[in-house]
Amino acid sequence: MPDDNRPLSPHLQVYRPQITSILSVTHRATGVVLAFAAVLLAYWLASAAYGPEAFARAQAVMESWFGRLVLFGFTFSLFYHMCNGIRHLGWDMLWGFEMSRLRITGILVVIASLSLTVLSWLMAYGHVGKL
């Protein structure tokens, strides 16, 4: 029989999210998103191997507004996961555990991820001439 006098552990309705917890959940989510991106990349590569008709269908999906939105999300996920992984390497070297550094590096991860995403899209579509 459960003991009713035990304290309840905090849950999402009680716990106030902090930047560290939000970044942790986002890191895990972007890892899952990157797994789906790998599947989409495999589909795109396989369509090229299946011939021009299959590749044209895959390209039509990728070039649609929804396809580009998905690719933009995949790009952000890749850069976020990379930048936050670099942050974790600092932690592995026992650097950055002070609360002020945790906040600053967390904000830097988000800014760097957004900047790298936008920069890579501007470079890619600027080079091709489509934006």
Protein backbone atom coordinates (compact mmCIF):
# COMPACT_ATOMS: atom_id res chain seq x y z
CA MET A 1 0.00 0.00 0.00
CA PRO A 2 1.49 3.40 -0.98
CA ASP A 3 2.50 5.81 1.74
CA ASP A 4 0.31 8.95 1.41
CA ASN A 5 2.73 11.05 3.48
CA ARG A 6 5.53 10.89 0.90
CA PRO A 7 6.31 14.15 -0.83
CA LEU A 8 5.39 14.28 -4.50
CA SER A 9 8.17 14.95 -6.94
CA PRO A 10 7.76 18.04 -9.12
CA HIS A 11 5.95 17.55 -12.40
CA LEU A 12 5.33 19.73 -15.43
CA GLN A 13 2.29 21.47 -13.92
CA VAL A 14 4.34 22.60 -10.90
CA TYR A 15 7.87 22.89 -12.31
CA ARG A 16 8.81 26.25 -13.82
CA PRO A 17 10.89 25.61 -16.96
CA GLN A 18 14.38 27.06 -16.97
CA ILE A 19 16.58 27.69 -19.99
CA THR A 20 18.69 24.65 -19.10
CA SER A 21 15.69 22.30 -19.05
CA ILE A 22 14.27 23.75 -22.28
CA LEU A 23 17.62 23.36 -24.03
CA SER A 24 17.94 19.79 -22.77
CA VAL A 25 14.54 18.80 -24.10
CA THR A 26 15.28 20.60 -27.38
CA HIS A 27 18.59 18.74 -27.72
CA ARG A 28 16.79 15.41 -27.39
CA ALA A 29 14.05 16.48 -29.79
CA THR A 30 16.53 17.61 -32.43
CA GLY A 31 18.24 14.23 -32.15
CA VAL A 32 14.93 12.56 -33.02
CA VAL A 33 14.34 15.06 -35.84
CA LEU A 34 17.78 14.25 -37.26
CA ALA A 35 16.87 10.56 -37.34
CA PHE A 36 13.85 11.44 -39.52
CA ALA A 37 16.11 13.66 -41.63
CA ALA A 38 18.38 10.68 -42.27
CA VAL A 39 15.39 8.69 -43.52
CA LEU A 40 14.36 11.56 -45.80
CA LEU A 41 17.92 11.83 -47.12
CA ALA A 42 17.94 8.09 -47.82
CA TYR A 43 14.63 8.45 -49.71
CA TRP A 44 16.03 11.32 -51.78
CA LEU A 45 19.22 9.38 -52.63
CA ALA A 46 17.26 6.23 -53.45
CA SER A 47 14.94 8.20 -55.74
CA ALA A 48 17.99 9.34 -57.70
CA ALA A 49 19.02 5.71 -58.12
CA TYR A 50 15.52 4.66 -59.25
CA GLY A 51 15.55 6.97 -62.24
CA PRO A 52 14.53 10.39 -63.49
CA GLU A 53 10.80 10.02 -62.78
CA ALA A 54 11.31 9.00 -59.16
CA PHE A 55 13.89 11.73 -58.67
CA ALA A 56 11.57 14.34 -60.19
CA ARG A 57 8.85 13.33 -57.70
CA ALA A 58 11.27 13.58 -54.79
CA GLN A 59 12.53 16.95 -56.00
CA ALA A 60 8.95 18.22 -56.36
CA VAL A 61 8.33 17.33 -52.71
CA MET A 62 11.58 18.95 -51.58
CA GLU A 63 10.95 22.12 -53.61
CA SER A 64 7.39 22.64 -52.35
CA TRP A 65 6.79 25.20 -49.62
CA PHE A 66 6.17 22.39 -47.13
CA GLY A 67 9.30 20.52 -48.22
CA ARG A 68 11.41 23.64 -47.79
CA LEU A 69 9.90 24.27 -44.37
CA VAL A 70 10.79 20.70 -43.36
CA LEU A 71 14.31 21.11 -44.75
CA PHE A 72 14.70 24.41 -42.87
CA GLY A 73 13.69 22.60 -39.66
CA PHE A 74 16.17 19.82 -40.39
CA THR A 75 18.90 22.42 -40.98
CA PHE A 76 18.15 24.14 -37.68
CA SER A 77 18.10 20.77 -35.91
CA LEU A 78 21.49 19.89 -37.32
CA PHE A 79 23.10 23.17 -36.26
CA TYR A 80 21.39 23.20 -32.86
CA HIS A 81 22.46 19.64 -32.11
CA MET A 82 26.03 20.45 -33.22
CA CYS A 83 26.30 23.70 -31.21
CA ASN A 84 24.78 22.15 -28.10
CA GLY A 85 27.08 19.15 -28.54
CA ILE A 86 30.06 21.52 -28.47
CA ARG A 87 28.60 22.99 -25.28
CA HIS A 88 28.41 19.47 -23.82
CA LEU A 89 32.07 18.91 -24.71
CA GLY A 90 32.87 21.89 -22.49
CA TRP A 91 30.94 20.22 -19.70
CA ASP A 92 32.93 17.02 -20.27
CA MET A 93 36.03 19.09 -19.54
CA LEU A 94 34.30 20.39 -16.36
CA TRP A 95 33.87 23.90 -17.80
CA GLY A 96 30.70 25.97 -17.72
CA PHE A 97 28.72 24.56 -14.81
CA GLU A 98 28.27 27.93 -13.11
CA MET A 99 24.68 29.15 -13.44
CA SER A 100 25.71 32.33 -15.24
CA ARG A 101 27.76 30.37 -17.80
CA LEU A 102 24.95 27.86 -18.26
CA ARG A 103 22.58 30.67 -19.21
CA ILE A 104 25.06 32.50 -21.42
CA THR A 105 26.19 29.41 -23.32
CA GLY A 106 22.57 28.31 -23.71
CA ILE A 107 21.61 31.62 -25.26
CA LEU A 108 24.72 31.48 -27.46
CA VAL A 109 23.73 28.01 -28.68
CA VAL A 110 20.31 29.27 -29.79
CA ILE A 111 21.75 32.40 -31.45
CA ALA A 112 24.50 30.43 -33.21
CA SER A 113 22.03 27.78 -34.39
CA LEU A 114 19.63 30.33 -35.84
CA SER A 115 22.47 32.34 -37.40
CA LEU A 116 24.11 29.31 -39.00
CA THR A 117 20.77 28.10 -40.32
CA VAL A 118 19.86 31.42 -41.91
CA LEU A 119 23.39 31.92 -43.22
CA SER A 120 23.53 28.48 -44.83
CA TRP A 121 20.13 29.00 -46.49
CA LEU A 122 21.13 32.43 -47.75
CA MET A 123 24.36 31.03 -49.15
CA ALA A 124 22.67 28.02 -50.75
CA TYR A 125 19.81 29.91 -52.36
CA GLY A 126 21.90 32.96 -53.09
CA HIS A 127 24.31 30.77 -55.03
CA VAL A 128 21.53 29.12 -57.00
CA GLY A 129 19.71 32.40 -57.46
CA LYS A 130 16.44 31.31 -55.82
CA LEU A 131 15.23 32.97 -52.66
